[in-house]
Amino acid sequence: MKRGIKKSVLPAALILVSACMRLDVVGRDAERSFEEVLAALPPAANSAGSPSWSLDAPDGAVSLVIARDEDSGPDFDAALLVDAEPFLAAGLDPSQFPLEIADGVFEIKAGLSDTASEPATPISVFKKIVENQRDRIGYHTALDHYNIDLGGGNMFEWAKDMSANDKDIVYVLDPAPFIAAGADPGAVDGWAFSKVPVDIDGKPAEVDKFLKAFDLE
């Protein structure tokens, strides 16, 4: 009897996993819409090290970098590379800022997972992030955006439907560490300091963010 029970449990578990994968509407549609962003804002391939690509903001002030996981590659799967000058000009004290500023840039990195994929392309790596780090892919109801959560309230967002949204991509920073390091949030050139509607534990709320949004169409 015990052997019979064990045999019946495994197929049921496999059916449950398969059903969950089919029901992951956010994950699947995030892949589709992210591919549309790549078409509208073609990523630049980085030549050094393992395959990685930059989605550069049209004003050149910030980039989303996604990288394939390799031993010789970057120590992140996704990162924001941000021009520090606007924050320094707004009073940021580098000695009080938790991130290192090197060559006028600071990096916000999201940890490692298995994003090795063949072929090595931006969308194939993104699909690996969805597959292996599903909790980092979210949906922002208020703006009808998907996002990659880079931790600490920092994100890259993109429109579910670019034809119906005037904010096709948005680079998002948590202002708290900048303010704590002396920056005047209202004086950071090129970044909007705004309250953003979000859901916290199923309840509507507003949080402060630095936003840099672009319409790609």
Protein backbone atom coordinates (compact mmCIF):
# COMPACT_ATOMS: atom_id res chain seq x y z
CA MET A 1 0.00 0.00 0.00
CA LYS A 2 2.77 2.42 0.85
CA ARG A 3 4.43 1.87 -2.51
CA GLY A 4 1.15 2.51 -4.28
CA ILE A 5 0.67 5.81 -2.45
CA LYS A 6 4.13 7.01 -3.36
CA LYS A 7 3.55 6.23 -7.01
CA SER A 8 0.35 8.25 -7.06
CA VAL A 9 1.86 11.33 -5.35
CA LEU A 10 4.57 12.08 -7.92
CA PRO A 11 2.31 12.51 -10.97
CA ALA A 12 0.00 14.74 -8.94
CA ALA A 13 2.94 16.95 -7.94
CA LEU A 14 4.07 17.19 -11.53
CA ILE A 15 0.56 18.12 -12.63
CA LEU A 16 0.45 20.85 -9.95
CA VAL A 17 3.80 22.32 -11.04
CA SER A 18 2.74 22.25 -14.69
CA ALA A 19 -0.54 23.97 -13.84
CA CYS A 20 1.25 26.70 -11.87
CA MET A 21 3.57 27.34 -14.81
CA ARG A 22 0.59 27.70 -17.16
CA LEU A 23 -1.15 30.04 -14.73
CA ASP A 24 1.85 32.38 -14.33
CA VAL A 25 0.33 35.08 -16.48
CA VAL A 26 2.60 37.83 -15.11
CA GLY A 27 5.81 35.89 -15.75
CA ARG A 28 4.84 34.90 -19.27
CA ASP A 29 3.52 38.31 -20.31
CA ALA A 30 6.52 40.04 -18.71
CA GLU A 31 8.72 38.10 -21.14
CA ARG A 32 6.57 39.15 -24.11
CA SER A 33 6.50 42.82 -23.18
CA PHE A 34 10.20 42.92 -22.24
CA GLU A 35 11.00 41.62 -25.72
CA GLU A 36 9.03 44.56 -27.12
CA VAL A 37 11.15 46.93 -25.02
CA LEU A 38 14.31 45.34 -26.43
CA ALA A 39 12.99 45.98 -29.93
CA ALA A 40 12.18 49.62 -29.14
CA LEU A 41 15.42 50.26 -27.20
CA PRO A 42 18.01 47.88 -28.69
CA PRO A 43 20.51 46.90 -25.97
CA ALA A 44 24.21 47.56 -26.44
CA ALA A 45 26.43 44.49 -26.10
CA ASN A 46 29.31 44.89 -23.65
CA SER A 47 32.53 43.58 -25.11
CA ALA A 48 34.46 42.67 -21.96
CA GLY A 49 33.95 39.46 -19.98
CA SER A 50 30.91 37.20 -20.27
CA PRO A 51 27.89 38.23 -22.33
CA SER A 52 26.10 41.27 -20.93
CA TRP A 53 23.93 43.99 -22.40
CA SER A 54 23.01 47.57 -21.47
CA LEU A 55 19.61 49.19 -21.91
CA ASP A 56 20.74 52.80 -21.83
CA ALA A 57 18.33 55.58 -20.95
CA PRO A 58 17.88 57.98 -23.88
CA ASP A 59 19.52 60.75 -21.82
CA GLY A 60 22.51 58.53 -20.97
CA ALA A 61 22.12 59.03 -17.21
CA VAL A 62 21.32 55.43 -16.24
CA SER A 63 21.48 51.94 -17.71
CA LEU A 64 19.93 48.59 -16.96
CA VAL A 65 22.57 45.89 -17.43
CA ILE A 66 21.64 42.22 -17.67
CA ALA A 67 24.37 39.59 -17.68
CA ARG A 68 24.59 35.88 -18.31
CA ASP A 69 25.82 33.94 -15.27
CA GLU A 70 29.36 32.73 -15.93
CA ASP A 71 32.31 32.18 -13.60
CA SER A 72 34.33 34.85 -15.40
CA GLY A 73 31.47 37.30 -15.69
CA PRO A 74 29.93 40.08 -13.61
CA ASP A 75 28.82 39.34 -10.04
CA PHE A 76 25.18 40.13 -10.86
CA ASP A 77 22.34 39.13 -13.18
CA ALA A 78 20.84 42.60 -13.39
CA ALA A 79 22.09 46.00 -12.27
CA LEU A 80 21.42 49.70 -12.59
CA LEU A 81 24.45 51.83 -13.47
CA VAL A 82 23.66 55.40 -12.50
CA ASP A 83 25.43 58.69 -13.23
CA ALA A 84 26.24 60.09 -9.79
CA GLU A 85 26.74 63.72 -10.87
CA PRO A 86 23.11 64.89 -10.47
CA PHE A 87 23.03 63.48 -6.94
CA LEU A 88 26.41 64.95 -6.02
CA ALA A 89 25.28 68.33 -7.35
CA ALA A 90 22.19 68.03 -5.12
CA GLY A 91 24.37 67.66 -2.03
CA LEU A 92 25.09 63.94 -1.80
CA ASP A 93 28.06 63.24 0.49
CA PRO A 94 29.88 60.18 -0.91
CA SER A 95 31.33 59.37 2.50
CA GLN A 96 27.78 58.92 3.86
CA PHE A 97 26.46 57.00 0.84
CA PRO A 98 26.35 53.19 1.15
CA LEU A 99 27.37 52.53 -2.47
CA GLU A 100 30.81 53.13 -3.92
CA ILE A 101 31.01 55.85 -6.56
CA ALA A 102 33.67 54.97 -9.11
CA ASP A 103 34.39 56.92 -12.29
CA GLY A 104 31.31 59.04 -11.58
CA VAL A 105 28.96 56.04 -11.49
CA PHE A 106 27.37 53.90 -8.80
CA GLU A 107 25.91 50.43 -9.28
CA ILE A 108 22.83 48.80 -7.78
CA LYS A 109 23.20 45.05 -8.28
CA ALA A 110 20.78 42.14 -8.01
CA GLY A 111 22.34 38.84 -6.86
CA LEU A 112 23.40 35.72 -8.67
CA SER A 113 21.41 32.78 -9.97
CA ASP A 114 21.74 30.37 -12.86
CA THR A 115 21.07 32.54 -15.91
CA ALA A 116 23.31 30.58 -18.25
CA SER A 117 21.42 30.03 -21.48
CA GLU A 118 21.94 29.17 -25.11
CA PRO A 119 21.95 31.19 -27.22
CA ALA A 120 23.28 34.07 -25.15
CA THR A 121 20.86 36.89 -25.85
CA PRO A 122 19.22 39.53 -23.64
CA ILE A 123 15.80 37.89 -23.86
CA SER A 124 17.15 34.40 -23.16
CA VAL A 125 18.86 35.67 -20.01
CA PHE A 126 15.70 37.54 -18.98
CA LYS A 127 13.69 34.33 -19.39
CA LYS A 128 16.18 32.58 -17.10
CA ILE A 129 15.64 35.30 -14.49
CA VAL A 130 11.88 34.69 -14.73
CA GLU A 131 12.43 30.95 -14.47
CA ASN A 132 14.90 30.95 -11.58
CA GLN A 133 14.12 34.18 -9.73
CA ARG A 134 10.40 34.56 -10.29
CA ASP A 135 9.96 36.62 -7.11
CA ARG A 136 12.02 39.41 -8.69
CA ILE A 137 9.49 39.93 -11.50
CA GLY A 138 6.44 41.95 -10.50
CA TYR A 139 3.47 43.88 -11.80
CA HIS A 140 2.74 47.51 -10.81
CA THR A 141 -1.01 47.92 -11.13
CA ALA A 142 -1.14 51.71 -10.86
CA LEU A 143 1.11 52.27 -13.88
CA ASP A 144 0.29 49.02 -15.74
CA HIS A 145 3.98 48.12 -15.67
CA TYR A 146 6.04 45.01 -15.16
CA ASN A 147 9.30 45.32 -13.26
CA ILE A 148 12.58 43.73 -12.25
CA ASP A 149 13.13 44.20 -8.53
CA LEU A 150 16.80 44.96 -7.89
CA GLY A 151 16.32 45.10 -4.13
CA GLY A 152 16.10 47.96 -1.68
CA GLY A 153 13.17 49.55 -3.49
CA ASN A 154 15.13 49.96 -6.74
CA MET A 155 13.59 48.71 -9.99
CA PHE A 156 13.42 48.83 -13.73
CA GLU A 157 9.82 49.03 -14.99
CA TRP A 158 8.33 48.76 -18.45
CA ALA A 159 4.86 49.11 -19.90
CA LYS A 160 2.65 46.10 -20.38
CA ASP A 161 1.38 47.82 -23.55
CA MET A 162 3.62 50.56 -24.93
CA SER A 163 0.95 51.73 -27.38
CA ALA A 164 -1.33 52.63 -24.46
CA ASN A 165 1.21 54.03 -22.02
CA ASP A 166 3.26 57.25 -22.15
CA LYS A 167 5.80 55.80 -19.72
CA ASP A 168 7.28 52.93 -21.71
CA ILE A 169 10.25 52.44 -19.41
CA VAL A 170 10.98 53.80 -15.94
CA TYR A 171 14.19 53.61 -13.93
CA VAL A 172 13.24 53.65 -10.24
CA LEU A 173 15.43 54.46 -7.23
CA ASP A 174 14.65 54.46 -3.51
CA PRO A 175 15.46 58.02 -2.36
CA ALA A 176 16.05 57.14 1.31
CA PRO A 177 19.83 56.46 1.14
CA PHE A 178 20.37 59.57 -1.00
CA ILE A 179 18.47 61.79 1.42
CA ALA A 180 20.31 60.23 4.39
CA ALA A 181 23.58 61.09 2.64
CA GLY A 182 22.59 64.76 2.30
CA ALA A 183 21.02 65.00 -1.15
CA ASP A 184 18.11 67.40 -1.62
CA PRO A 185 15.58 65.12 -3.36
CA GLY A 186 13.89 68.00 -5.15
CA ALA A 187 17.16 69.23 -6.63
CA VAL A 188 18.36 66.09 -8.45
CA ASP A 189 18.46 67.12 -12.09
CA GLY A 190 16.79 64.70 -14.49
CA TRP A 191 15.06 62.64 -11.79
CA ALA A 192 11.49 63.24 -10.63
CA PHE A 193 10.96 62.93 -6.89
CA SER A 194 7.40 61.61 -6.60
CA LYS A 195 4.99 59.65 -4.49
CA VAL A 196 4.09 56.41 -6.24
CA PRO A 197 0.91 54.43 -5.52
CA VAL A 198 1.63 50.82 -4.56
CA ASP A 199 -0.03 47.87 -2.84
CA ILE A 200 1.48 46.85 0.50
CA ASP A 201 0.05 43.66 1.95
CA GLY A 202 -2.99 44.12 -0.24
CA LYS A 203 -3.63 47.69 0.91
CA PRO A 204 -3.12 50.87 -1.18
CA ALA A 205 -0.25 53.11 -0.08
CA GLU A 206 2.14 55.72 -1.45
CA VAL A 207 5.93 55.60 -1.31
CA ASP A 208 8.60 58.15 -2.29
CA LYS A 209 10.68 57.31 -5.36
CA PHE A 210 13.16 58.86 -7.77
CA LEU A 211 11.79 58.24 -11.27
CA LYS A 212 13.28 58.62 -14.73
CA ALA A 213 10.63 57.78 -17.32
CA PHE A 214 10.73 57.68 -21.12
CA ASP A 215 8.24 57.29 -23.93
CA LEU A 216 9.96 55.19 -26.61
CA GLU A 217 7.29 55.53 -29.28
